[in-house]
């Protein structure tokens, strides 16, 4: 079996931890949301977000739906 075949069958859109937000994009919910900070004008803002991935992305923590 080639590596290409293996990774294509275990993409984010096939994973039980993935939550689709559009046809080609979604949130990985394998881990808790991550804190991010960004500057708006002179203020620092803080939010938590799940990592956004493309439906065809993949990682080593795949779990079948």
C-alpha atoms as a PDB file:
ATOM      1  CA  UNK A   1       0.000   0.000   0.000  1.00  0.00           C
ATOM      2  CA  UNK A   2       1.404   3.406  -0.921  1.00  0.00           C
ATOM      3  CA  UNK A   3       1.615   6.295   1.532  1.00  0.00           C
ATOM      4  CA  UNK A   4      -0.616   8.387  -0.741  1.00  0.00           C
ATOM      5  CA  UNK A   5      -3.462   5.870  -0.509  1.00  0.00           C
ATOM      6  CA  UNK A   6      -3.129   5.666   3.277  1.00  0.00           C
ATOM      7  CA  UNK A   7      -3.231   9.427   3.894  1.00  0.00           C
ATOM      8  CA  UNK A   8      -6.055  10.082   1.425  1.00  0.00           C
ATOM      9  CA  UNK A   9      -8.336   7.641   3.225  1.00  0.00           C
ATOM     10  CA  UNK A  10      -7.642   9.236   6.614  1.00  0.00           C
ATOM     11  CA  UNK A  11      -8.400  12.886   5.880  1.00  0.00           C
ATOM     12  CA  UNK A  12      -9.983  15.360   8.289  1.00  0.00           C
ATOM     13  CA  UNK A  13     -13.429  15.056   6.718  1.00  0.00           C
ATOM     14  CA  UNK A  14     -13.366  11.319   7.576  1.00  0.00           C
ATOM     15  CA  UNK A  15     -12.325  11.901  11.221  1.00  0.00           C
ATOM     16  CA  UNK A  16     -14.722  11.797  14.172  1.00  0.00           C
ATOM     17  CA  UNK A  17     -12.993  14.830  15.749  1.00  0.00           C
ATOM     18  CA  UNK A  18     -13.603  17.115  12.738  1.00  0.00           C
ATOM     19  CA  UNK A  19     -16.532  19.563  12.634  1.00  0.00           C
ATOM     20  CA  UNK A  20     -17.283  20.930   9.144  1.00  0.00           C
ATOM     21  CA  UNK A  21     -17.966  24.672   8.946  1.00  0.00           C
ATOM     22  CA  UNK A  22     -18.058  24.912   5.115  1.00  0.00           C
ATOM     23  CA  UNK A  23     -17.881  22.377   2.289  1.00  0.00           C
ATOM     24  CA  UNK A  24     -14.052  22.365   2.350  1.00  0.00           C
ATOM     25  CA  UNK A  25     -13.111  23.619   5.819  1.00  0.00           C
ATOM     26  CA  UNK A  26     -13.758  22.752   9.439  1.00  0.00           C
ATOM     27  CA  UNK A  27     -12.542  22.701  13.031  1.00  0.00           C
ATOM     28  CA  UNK A  28     -10.365  20.010  14.540  1.00  0.00           C
ATOM     29  CA  UNK A  29     -11.859  19.186  17.930  1.00  0.00           C
ATOM     30  CA  UNK A  30      -9.307  16.559  18.958  1.00  0.00           C
ATOM     31  CA  UNK A  31      -7.826  18.930  21.561  1.00  0.00           C
ATOM     32  CA  UNK A  32      -9.387  21.800  23.570  1.00  0.00           C
ATOM     33  CA  UNK A  33      -9.625  25.221  21.889  1.00  0.00           C
ATOM     34  CA  UNK A  34      -6.348  27.104  21.802  1.00  0.00           C
ATOM     35  CA  UNK A  35      -5.881  30.604  23.194  1.00  0.00           C
ATOM     36  CA  UNK A  36      -4.858  33.226  20.680  1.00  0.00           C
ATOM     37  CA  UNK A  37      -4.028  36.880  21.154  1.00  0.00           C
ATOM     38  CA  UNK A  38      -4.054  39.676  18.620  1.00  0.00           C
ATOM     39  CA  UNK A  39      -3.724  43.425  18.593  1.00  0.00           C
ATOM     40  CA  UNK A  40      -6.617  45.687  17.598  1.00  0.00           C
ATOM     41  CA  UNK A  41      -5.449  49.272  17.551  1.00  0.00           C
ATOM     42  CA  UNK A  42      -3.766  49.811  20.913  1.00  0.00           C
ATOM     43  CA  UNK A  43      -5.654  46.962  22.633  1.00  0.00           C
ATOM     44  CA  UNK A  44      -4.769  43.290  22.966  1.00  0.00           C
ATOM     45  CA  UNK A  45      -7.660  40.900  22.387  1.00  0.00           C
ATOM     46  CA  UNK A  46      -7.829  37.261  23.511  1.00  0.00           C
ATOM     47  CA  UNK A  47      -9.979  34.433  22.162  1.00  0.00           C
ATOM     48  CA  UNK A  48     -10.045  30.671  22.138  1.00  0.00           C
ATOM     49  CA  UNK A  49     -10.499  28.769  18.886  1.00  0.00           C
ATOM     50  CA  UNK A  50     -10.269  25.268  17.544  1.00  0.00           C
ATOM     51  CA  UNK A  51      -7.665  24.835  14.786  1.00  0.00           C
ATOM     52  CA  UNK A  52      -9.189  25.239  11.312  1.00  0.00           C
ATOM     53  CA  UNK A  53      -8.211  22.627   8.732  1.00  0.00           C
ATOM     54  CA  UNK A  54      -9.074  21.839   5.137  1.00  0.00           C
ATOM     55  CA  UNK A  55     -11.288  18.797   4.606  1.00  0.00           C
ATOM     56  CA  UNK A  56      -8.467  16.986   2.780  1.00  0.00           C
ATOM     57  CA  UNK A  57      -5.802  17.700   5.462  1.00  0.00           C
ATOM     58  CA  UNK A  58      -4.660  14.858   7.702  1.00  0.00           C
ATOM     59  CA  UNK A  59      -2.635  14.216  10.877  1.00  0.00           C
ATOM     60  CA  UNK A  60      -1.377  11.334  12.972  1.00  0.00           C
ATOM     61  CA  UNK A  61      -4.336  11.388  15.392  1.00  0.00           C
ATOM     62  CA  UNK A  62      -7.051  10.286  12.985  1.00  0.00           C
ATOM     63  CA  UNK A  63     -10.037   8.362  14.375  1.00  0.00           C
ATOM     64  CA  UNK A  64     -12.662   6.932  12.008  1.00  0.00           C
ATOM     65  CA  UNK A  65     -16.218   8.336  12.317  1.00  0.00           C
END
